[in-house]
Amino acid sequence: MGPGGRVGNRVSGRLPVGVLISGRGSNMAALLRASAEPECPYRVACVLSDRADAAGLGVARAAGVAAEPVPPIRGDKAAYGERLSERLQAHGCEAVALAGFMRVLADQFCSDWAGRLLNVHPSLLPAFPGLDTHSRALAAGCKLHGCTVHYVVPEVDAGPIIAQAAVPVLDDDTPDTLAARALAEEHRLYPQALAAHAAGRLSIVGQRVLWDAVPQPSALR
């Protein structure tokens, strides 16, 4: 997908999406719930996990979605990326949503799925990329925190931002309470952003994502 390109547009049908998880898959479950609505422009075609014991695999299977572990290849991210792509393509996926997938993906995988690979991150990027975002936000004295849905590029947590939602940081917050408040917004925002992608309503212009004639999700509730 080059600069200025519209992404996710389909002439008919619903965009088949593969979801990658590593654990319980609460964001995956939120995407599944949204996909059950008749007007939703995407469907979850499969759920893949790098961990065979990921609880989210059972959640997906209970919802009637194909779900399978894809074991990592020790020391070879490129080969693992090829394995993931092979399984995604086998399920007919045309886009990928990372939902708590706790592995850094190979550059080639990110390039192969460029403009079709989304992630939700628990901070208001570009602030606090990486891990332990809630503790870091508290330590920095932030008054606002939140989550970001963005397109994935080889550099971690650095892709074009699709949408963000902010939550207040309260005086008595702990990392856990702040995380819970931000997670509720992730569950709301991610399905909206993926639906906008699937409907072809987003354009990437440089590092910006434009919502063409479509209002963005409200940042504060």
C-alpha atoms as a PDB file:
ATOM      1  CA  MET A   1       0.000   0.000   0.000  1.00  0.00           C
ATOM      2  CA  GLY A   2       1.672   3.189  -1.155  1.00  0.00           C
ATOM      3  CA  PRO A   3       1.283   6.691   0.275  1.00  0.00           C
ATOM      4  CA  GLY A   4      -2.150   8.111  -0.289  1.00  0.00           C
ATOM      5  CA  GLY A   5      -3.727   4.721  -0.907  1.00  0.00           C
ATOM      6  CA  ARG A   6      -7.174   3.762   0.260  1.00  0.00           C
ATOM      7  CA  VAL A   7      -7.154   0.561   2.269  1.00  0.00           C
ATOM      8  CA  GLY A   8      -9.574  -2.265   2.925  1.00  0.00           C
ATOM      9  CA  ASN A   9     -12.108  -1.485   0.191  1.00  0.00           C
ATOM     10  CA  ARG A  10     -14.199  -4.433  -1.065  1.00  0.00           C
ATOM     11  CA  VAL A  11     -16.765  -4.482  -3.818  1.00  0.00           C
ATOM     12  CA  SER A  12     -19.024  -6.987  -2.078  1.00  0.00           C
ATOM     13  CA  GLY A  13     -19.080  -9.349   0.870  1.00  0.00           C
ATOM     14  CA  ARG A  14     -17.376  -8.978   4.209  1.00  0.00           C
ATOM     15  CA  LEU A  15     -13.614  -8.647   4.587  1.00  0.00           C
ATOM     16  CA  PRO A  16     -12.128 -11.898   5.975  1.00  0.00           C
ATOM     17  CA  VAL A  17      -9.803 -11.070   8.858  1.00  0.00           C
ATOM     18  CA  GLY A  18      -7.336 -13.251  10.738  1.00  0.00           C
ATOM     19  CA  VAL A  19      -6.787 -12.417  14.402  1.00  0.00           C
ATOM     20  CA  LEU A  20      -3.496 -13.181  16.151  1.00  0.00           C
ATOM     21  CA  ILE A  21      -3.493 -13.656  19.928  1.00  0.00           C
ATOM     22  CA  SER A  22      -1.209 -14.916  22.680  1.00  0.00           C
ATOM     23  CA  GLY A  23      -3.539 -15.173  25.676  1.00  0.00           C
ATOM     24  CA  ARG A  24      -7.153 -14.759  26.707  1.00  0.00           C
ATOM     25  CA  GLY A  25      -8.028 -12.714  23.614  1.00  0.00           C
ATOM     26  CA  SER A  26     -10.370 -10.142  25.140  1.00  0.00           C
ATOM     27  CA  ASN A  27      -9.917  -7.811  22.164  1.00  0.00           C
ATOM     28  CA  MET A  28     -10.431 -10.740  19.824  1.00  0.00           C
ATOM     29  CA  ALA A  29     -13.708 -11.441  21.628  1.00  0.00           C
ATOM     30  CA  ALA A  30     -14.723  -7.803  21.149  1.00  0.00           C
ATOM     31  CA  LEU A  31     -14.019  -8.080  17.417  1.00  0.00           C
ATOM     32  CA  LEU A  32     -16.067 -11.278  17.289  1.00  0.00           C
ATOM     33  CA  ARG A  33     -19.024  -9.660  19.065  1.00  0.00           C
ATOM     34  CA  ALA A  34     -18.999  -6.744  16.646  1.00  0.00           C
ATOM     35  CA  SER A  35     -18.748  -9.072  13.637  1.00  0.00           C
ATOM     36  CA  ALA A  36     -22.028 -10.717  14.669  1.00  0.00           C
ATOM     37  CA  GLU A  37     -23.896  -7.534  13.769  1.00  0.00           C
ATOM     38  CA  PRO A  38     -25.486  -7.799  10.294  1.00  0.00           C
ATOM     39  CA  GLU A  39     -24.026  -4.503   9.087  1.00  0.00           C
ATOM     40  CA  CYS A  40     -20.448  -5.310  10.132  1.00  0.00           C
ATOM     41  CA  PRO A  41     -18.170  -5.134   7.046  1.00  0.00           C
ATOM     42  CA  TYR A  42     -15.681  -7.735   8.287  1.00  0.00           C
ATOM     43  CA  ARG A  43     -15.801 -11.320   9.525  1.00  0.00           C
ATOM     44  CA  VAL A  44     -13.258 -13.179  11.620  1.00  0.00           C
ATOM     45  CA  ALA A  45     -12.045 -15.963   9.337  1.00  0.00           C
ATOM     46  CA  CYS A  46      -9.608 -17.510  11.807  1.00  0.00           C
ATOM     47  CA  VAL A  47      -7.812 -16.996  15.103  1.00  0.00           C
ATOM     48  CA  LEU A  48      -4.160 -18.022  15.386  1.00  0.00           C
ATOM     49  CA  SER A  49      -1.971 -18.094  18.469  1.00  0.00           C
ATOM     50  CA  ASP A  50       1.717 -18.576  19.157  1.00  0.00           C
ATOM     51  CA  ARG A  51       0.684 -20.470  22.315  1.00  0.00           C
ATOM     52  CA  ALA A  52      -1.237 -23.749  22.239  1.00  0.00           C
ATOM     53  CA  ASP A  53      -2.641 -23.026  25.718  1.00  0.00           C
ATOM     54  CA  ALA A  54      -4.012 -19.577  24.854  1.00  0.00           C
ATOM     55  CA  ALA A  55      -7.480 -19.322  26.378  1.00  0.00           C
ATOM     56  CA  GLY A  56      -8.696 -17.233  23.448  1.00  0.00           C
ATOM     57  CA  LEU A  57      -8.487 -20.236  21.123  1.00  0.00           C
ATOM     58  CA  GLY A  58     -11.293 -21.873  23.068  1.00  0.00           C
ATOM     59  CA  VAL A  59     -13.332 -18.663  22.970  1.00  0.00           C
ATOM     60  CA  ALA A  60     -13.000 -18.533  19.187  1.00  0.00           C
ATOM     61  CA  ARG A  61     -13.917 -22.198  18.739  1.00  0.00           C
ATOM     62  CA  ALA A  62     -16.980 -21.743  20.941  1.00  0.00           C
ATOM     63  CA  ALA A  63     -18.052 -18.956  18.583  1.00  0.00           C
ATOM     64  CA  GLY A  64     -17.665 -21.263  15.589  1.00  0.00           C
ATOM     65  CA  VAL A  65     -14.452 -19.693  14.304  1.00  0.00           C
ATOM     66  CA  ALA A  66     -11.487 -21.748  13.107  1.00  0.00           C
ATOM     67  CA  ALA A  67      -8.753 -21.454  15.736  1.00  0.00           C
ATOM     68  CA  GLU A  68      -5.340 -23.056  15.833  1.00  0.00           C
ATOM     69  CA  PRO A  69      -1.933 -22.673  17.460  1.00  0.00           C
ATOM     70  CA  VAL A  70       0.989 -21.789  15.210  1.00  0.00           C
ATOM     71  CA  PRO A  71       4.107 -22.633  17.225  1.00  0.00           C
ATOM     72  CA  PRO A  72       7.014 -20.179  16.911  1.00  0.00           C
ATOM     73  CA  ILE A  73      10.233 -21.168  15.187  1.00  0.00           C
ATOM     74  CA  ARG A  74      13.065 -20.620  17.627  1.00  0.00           C
ATOM     75  CA  GLY A  75      15.458 -17.919  16.479  1.00  0.00           C
ATOM     76  CA  ASP A  76      13.886 -17.451  13.043  1.00  0.00           C
ATOM     77  CA  LYS A  77      11.301 -14.663  12.898  1.00  0.00           C
ATOM     78  CA  ALA A  78      11.298 -14.664   9.099  1.00  0.00           C
ATOM     79  CA  ALA A  79      10.395 -18.338   8.846  1.00  0.00           C
ATOM     80  CA  TYR A  80       7.741 -17.900  11.515  1.00  0.00           C
ATOM     81  CA  GLY A  81       6.259 -14.989   9.590  1.00  0.00           C
ATOM     82  CA  GLU A  82       6.068 -17.188   6.509  1.00  0.00           C
ATOM     83  CA  ARG A  83       4.304 -19.871   8.535  1.00  0.00           C
ATOM     84  CA  LEU A  84       1.776 -17.365   9.855  1.00  0.00           C
ATOM     85  CA  SER A  85       1.117 -16.008   6.359  1.00  0.00           C
ATOM     86  CA  GLU A  86       0.627 -19.522   5.045  1.00  0.00           C
ATOM     87  CA  ARG A  87      -2.030 -20.263   7.662  1.00  0.00           C
ATOM     88  CA  LEU A  88      -3.732 -16.888   7.198  1.00  0.00           C
ATOM     89  CA  GLN A  89      -3.890 -17.388   3.450  1.00  0.00           C
ATOM     90  CA  ALA A  90      -5.202 -20.925   3.920  1.00  0.00           C
ATOM     91  CA  HIS A  91      -8.168 -19.390   5.734  1.00  0.00           C
ATOM     92  CA  GLY A  92      -8.670 -16.783   3.001  1.00  0.00           C
ATOM     93  CA  CYS A  93      -7.674 -13.825   5.174  1.00  0.00           C
ATOM     94  CA  GLU A  94      -7.268 -10.444   3.479  1.00  0.00           C
ATOM     95  CA  ALA A  95      -6.385  -8.482   6.623  1.00  0.00           C
ATOM     96  CA  VAL A  96      -4.838  -9.250  10.001  1.00  0.00           C
ATOM     97  CA  ALA A  97      -5.703  -7.853  13.434  1.00  0.00           C
ATOM     98  CA  LEU A  98      -3.200  -8.252  16.266  1.00  0.00           C
ATOM     99  CA  ALA A  99      -5.064  -8.647  19.550  1.00  0.00           C
ATOM    100  CA  GLY A 100      -2.594  -9.177  22.351  1.00  0.00           C
ATOM    101  CA  PHE A 101      -0.090 -10.992  20.138  1.00  0.00           C
ATOM    102  CA  MET A 102       3.084 -10.794  22.199  1.00  0.00           C
ATOM    103  CA  ARG A 103       5.705 -11.355  19.517  1.00  0.00           C
ATOM    104  CA  VAL A 104       7.580  -8.896  17.350  1.00  0.00           C
ATOM    105  CA  LEU A 105       6.809  -9.791  13.759  1.00  0.00           C
ATOM    106  CA  ALA A 106       9.424 -10.105  11.037  1.00  0.00           C
ATOM    107  CA  ASP A 107       9.961  -7.123   8.752  1.00  0.00           C
ATOM    108  CA  GLN A 108       8.949  -9.184   5.723  1.00  0.00           C
ATOM    109  CA  PHE A 109       5.659 -10.199   7.336  1.00  0.00           C
ATOM    110  CA  CYS A 110       4.892  -6.533   8.058  1.00  0.00           C
ATOM    111  CA  SER A 111       5.765  -5.611   4.470  1.00  0.00           C
ATOM    112  CA  ASP A 112       3.703  -8.447   2.992  1.00  0.00           C
ATOM    113  CA  TRP A 113       0.643  -7.298   4.946  1.00  0.00           C
ATOM    114  CA  ALA A 114       1.335  -3.543   4.750  1.00  0.00           C
ATOM    115  CA  GLY A 115      -1.862  -1.508   4.909  1.00  0.00           C
ATOM    116  CA  ARG A 116      -3.759  -4.644   5.961  1.00  0.00           C
ATOM    117  CA  LEU A 117      -2.162  -5.301   9.367  1.00  0.00           C
ATOM    118  CA  LEU A 118      -3.700  -3.575  12.411  1.00  0.00           C
ATOM    119  CA  ASN A 119      -2.831  -3.499  16.094  1.00  0.00           C
ATOM    120  CA  VAL A 120      -4.290  -2.051  19.267  1.00  0.00           C
ATOM    121  CA  HIS A 121      -1.772  -0.642  21.750  1.00  0.00           C
ATOM    122  CA  PRO A 122      -2.495   0.343  25.385  1.00  0.00           C
ATOM    123  CA  SER A 123      -1.250   3.937  25.286  1.00  0.00           C
ATOM    124  CA  LEU A 124      -1.752   7.157  23.388  1.00  0.00           C
ATOM    125  CA  LEU A 125       1.029   6.665  20.853  1.00  0.00           C
ATOM    126  CA  PRO A 126       3.620   7.959  20.217  1.00  0.00           C
ATOM    127  CA  ALA A 127       3.782   8.056  24.028  1.00  0.00           C
ATOM    128  CA  PHE A 128       4.850   4.816  25.717  1.00  0.00           C
ATOM    129  CA  PRO A 129       5.519   2.333  22.945  1.00  0.00           C
ATOM    130  CA  GLY A 130       6.413  -1.150  24.130  1.00  0.00           C
ATOM    131  CA  LEU A 131       5.471  -2.802  27.417  1.00  0.00           C
ATOM    132  CA  ASP A 132       4.341  -1.684  30.899  1.00  0.00           C
ATOM    133  CA  THR A 133       2.494   1.289  29.471  1.00  0.00           C
ATOM    134  CA  HIS A 134       0.161   1.836  32.428  1.00  0.00           C
ATOM    135  CA  SER A 135       2.945   1.894  35.025  1.00  0.00           C
ATOM    136  CA  ARG A 136       4.960   4.245  32.829  1.00  0.00           C
ATOM    137  CA  ALA A 137       2.020   6.607  32.352  1.00  0.00           C
ATOM    138  CA  LEU A 138       1.518   6.802  36.122  1.00  0.00           C
ATOM    139  CA  ALA A 139       5.224   7.327  36.757  1.00  0.00           C
ATOM    140  CA  ALA A 140       5.278  10.151  34.208  1.00  0.00           C
ATOM    141  CA  GLY A 141       2.378  11.924  35.920  1.00  0.00           C
ATOM    142  CA  CYS A 142       0.068  11.763  32.915  1.00  0.00           C
ATOM    143  CA  LYS A 143      -3.424  13.166  33.335  1.00  0.00           C
ATOM    144  CA  LEU A 144      -4.689  11.337  30.248  1.00  0.00           C
ATOM    145  CA  HIS A 145      -3.925   7.811  29.104  1.00  0.00           C
ATOM    146  CA  GLY A 146      -5.699   5.486  26.709  1.00  0.00           C
ATOM    147  CA  CYS A 147      -5.286   3.308  23.656  1.00  0.00           C
ATOM    148  CA  THR A 148      -4.362   3.517  19.996  1.00  0.00           C
ATOM    149  CA  VAL A 149      -5.332   1.482  16.937  1.00  0.00           C
ATOM    150  CA  HIS A 150      -2.676   1.737  14.246  1.00  0.00           C
ATOM    151  CA  TYR A 151      -1.339   0.101  11.123  1.00  0.00           C
ATOM    152  CA  VAL A 152       1.695  -2.074  11.788  1.00  0.00           C
ATOM    153  CA  VAL A 153       5.116  -1.337  10.300  1.00  0.00           C
ATOM    154  CA  PRO A 154       8.438  -3.056  11.016  1.00  0.00           C
ATOM    155  CA  GLU A 155       9.300  -0.539  13.740  1.00  0.00           C
ATOM    156  CA  VAL A 156       7.413  -1.513  16.903  1.00  0.00           C
ATOM    157  CA  ASP A 157       4.342   0.633  17.725  1.00  0.00           C
ATOM    158  CA  ALA A 158       5.267   3.222  15.112  1.00  0.00           C
ATOM    159  CA  GLY A 159       2.756   2.762  12.295  1.00  0.00           C
ATOM    160  CA  PRO A 160       0.156   5.283  11.093  1.00  0.00           C
ATOM    161  CA  ILE A 161      -2.474   5.945  13.751  1.00  0.00           C
ATOM    162  CA  ILE A 162      -6.054   5.073  12.825  1.00  0.00           C
ATOM    163  CA  ALA A 163      -7.893   6.071  16.005  1.00  0.00           C
ATOM    164  CA  GLN A 164      -7.312   6.813  19.666  1.00  0.00           C
ATOM    165  CA  ALA A 165      -9.396   6.942  22.829  1.00  0.00           C
ATOM    166  CA  ALA A 166      -8.382   8.708  26.027  1.00  0.00           C
ATOM    167  CA  VAL A 167      -9.282   8.020  29.638  1.00  0.00           C
ATOM    168  CA  PRO A 168      -8.564  10.215  32.681  1.00  0.00           C
ATOM    169  CA  VAL A 169      -5.803   9.198  35.072  1.00  0.00           C
ATOM    170  CA  LEU A 170      -7.248   9.354  38.577  1.00  0.00           C
ATOM    171  CA  ASP A 171      -5.301  10.304  41.691  1.00  0.00           C
ATOM    172  CA  ASP A 172      -5.800   6.880  43.272  1.00  0.00           C
ATOM    173  CA  ASP A 173      -5.110   4.843  40.130  1.00  0.00           C
ATOM    174  CA  THR A 174      -2.892   1.797  40.188  1.00  0.00           C
ATOM    175  CA  PRO A 175      -1.511   0.175  37.027  1.00  0.00           C
ATOM    176  CA  ASP A 176      -4.329  -2.386  37.271  1.00  0.00           C
ATOM    177  CA  THR A 177      -7.180   0.106  37.638  1.00  0.00           C
ATOM    178  CA  LEU A 178      -5.808   2.277  34.861  1.00  0.00           C
ATOM    179  CA  ALA A 179      -5.335  -0.780  32.647  1.00  0.00           C
ATOM    180  CA  ALA A 180      -8.950  -1.832  33.184  1.00  0.00           C
ATOM    181  CA  ARG A 181     -10.244   1.607  32.187  1.00  0.00           C
ATOM    182  CA  ALA A 182      -8.082   1.685  29.069  1.00  0.00           C
ATOM    183  CA  LEU A 183      -9.012  -1.890  28.125  1.00  0.00           C
ATOM    184  CA  ALA A 184     -12.705  -1.021  28.093  1.00  0.00           C
ATOM    185  CA  GLU A 185     -11.898   1.635  25.491  1.00  0.00           C
ATOM    186  CA  GLU A 186      -9.833  -0.844  23.462  1.00  0.00           C
ATOM    187  CA  HIS A 187     -12.875  -3.119  23.276  1.00  0.00           C
ATOM    188  CA  ARG A 188     -14.958  -0.210  21.980  1.00  0.00           C
ATOM    189  CA  LEU A 189     -12.426   1.375  19.628  1.00  0.00           C
ATOM    190  CA  TYR A 190     -10.830  -1.622  17.916  1.00  0.00           C
ATOM    191  CA  PRO A 191     -14.018  -2.961  16.284  1.00  0.00           C
ATOM    192  CA  GLN A 192     -14.871   0.538  15.033  1.00  0.00           C
ATOM    193  CA  ALA A 193     -11.415   1.003  13.519  1.00  0.00           C
ATOM    194  CA  LEU A 194     -11.365  -2.437  11.908  1.00  0.00           C
ATOM    195  CA  ALA A 195     -14.833  -1.855  10.486  1.00  0.00           C
ATOM    196  CA  ALA A 196     -13.688   1.441   8.974  1.00  0.00           C
ATOM    197  CA  HIS A 197     -10.727  -0.346   7.395  1.00  0.00           C
ATOM    198  CA  ALA A 198     -12.919  -3.137   6.067  1.00  0.00           C
ATOM    199  CA  ALA A 199     -15.387  -0.668   4.582  1.00  0.00           C
ATOM    200  CA  GLY A 200     -12.616   1.128   2.679  1.00  0.00           C
ATOM    201  CA  ARG A 201     -13.125   4.344   4.606  1.00  0.00           C
ATOM    202  CA  LEU A 202      -9.463   4.900   5.479  1.00  0.00           C
ATOM    203  CA  SER A 203      -6.626   6.356   3.437  1.00  0.00           C
ATOM    204  CA  ILE A 204      -2.937   6.372   4.377  1.00  0.00           C
ATOM    205  CA  VAL A 205      -1.220   9.628   3.459  1.00  0.00           C
ATOM    206  CA  GLY A 206       2.387   9.545   4.634  1.00  0.00           C
ATOM    207  CA  GLN A 207       2.169   8.885   8.366  1.00  0.00           C
ATOM    208  CA  ARG A 208      -1.455  10.020   8.603  1.00  0.00           C
ATOM    209  CA  VAL A 209      -4.644   7.997   8.311  1.00  0.00           C
ATOM    210  CA  LEU A 210      -7.560   9.988   6.931  1.00  0.00           C
ATOM    211  CA  TRP A 211     -11.166   9.052   7.631  1.00  0.00           C
ATOM    212  CA  ASP A 212     -12.739  10.118   4.351  1.00  0.00           C
ATOM    213  CA  ALA A 213     -16.106  11.773   5.048  1.00  0.00           C
ATOM    214  CA  VAL A 214     -16.544   9.559   8.108  1.00  0.00           C
ATOM    215  CA  PRO A 215     -16.499  10.935  11.664  1.00  0.00           C
ATOM    216  CA  GLN A 216     -13.801   9.439  13.870  1.00  0.00           C
ATOM    217  CA  PRO A 217     -14.813   7.598  17.033  1.00  0.00           C
ATOM    218  CA  SER A 218     -15.112   9.998  19.940  1.00  0.00           C
ATOM    219  CA  ALA A 219     -11.846  10.204  21.849  1.00  0.00           C
ATOM    220  CA  LEU A 220     -13.421  10.844  25.230  1.00  0.00           C
ATOM    221  CA  ARG A 221     -16.583   9.441  26.719  1.00  0.00           C
END
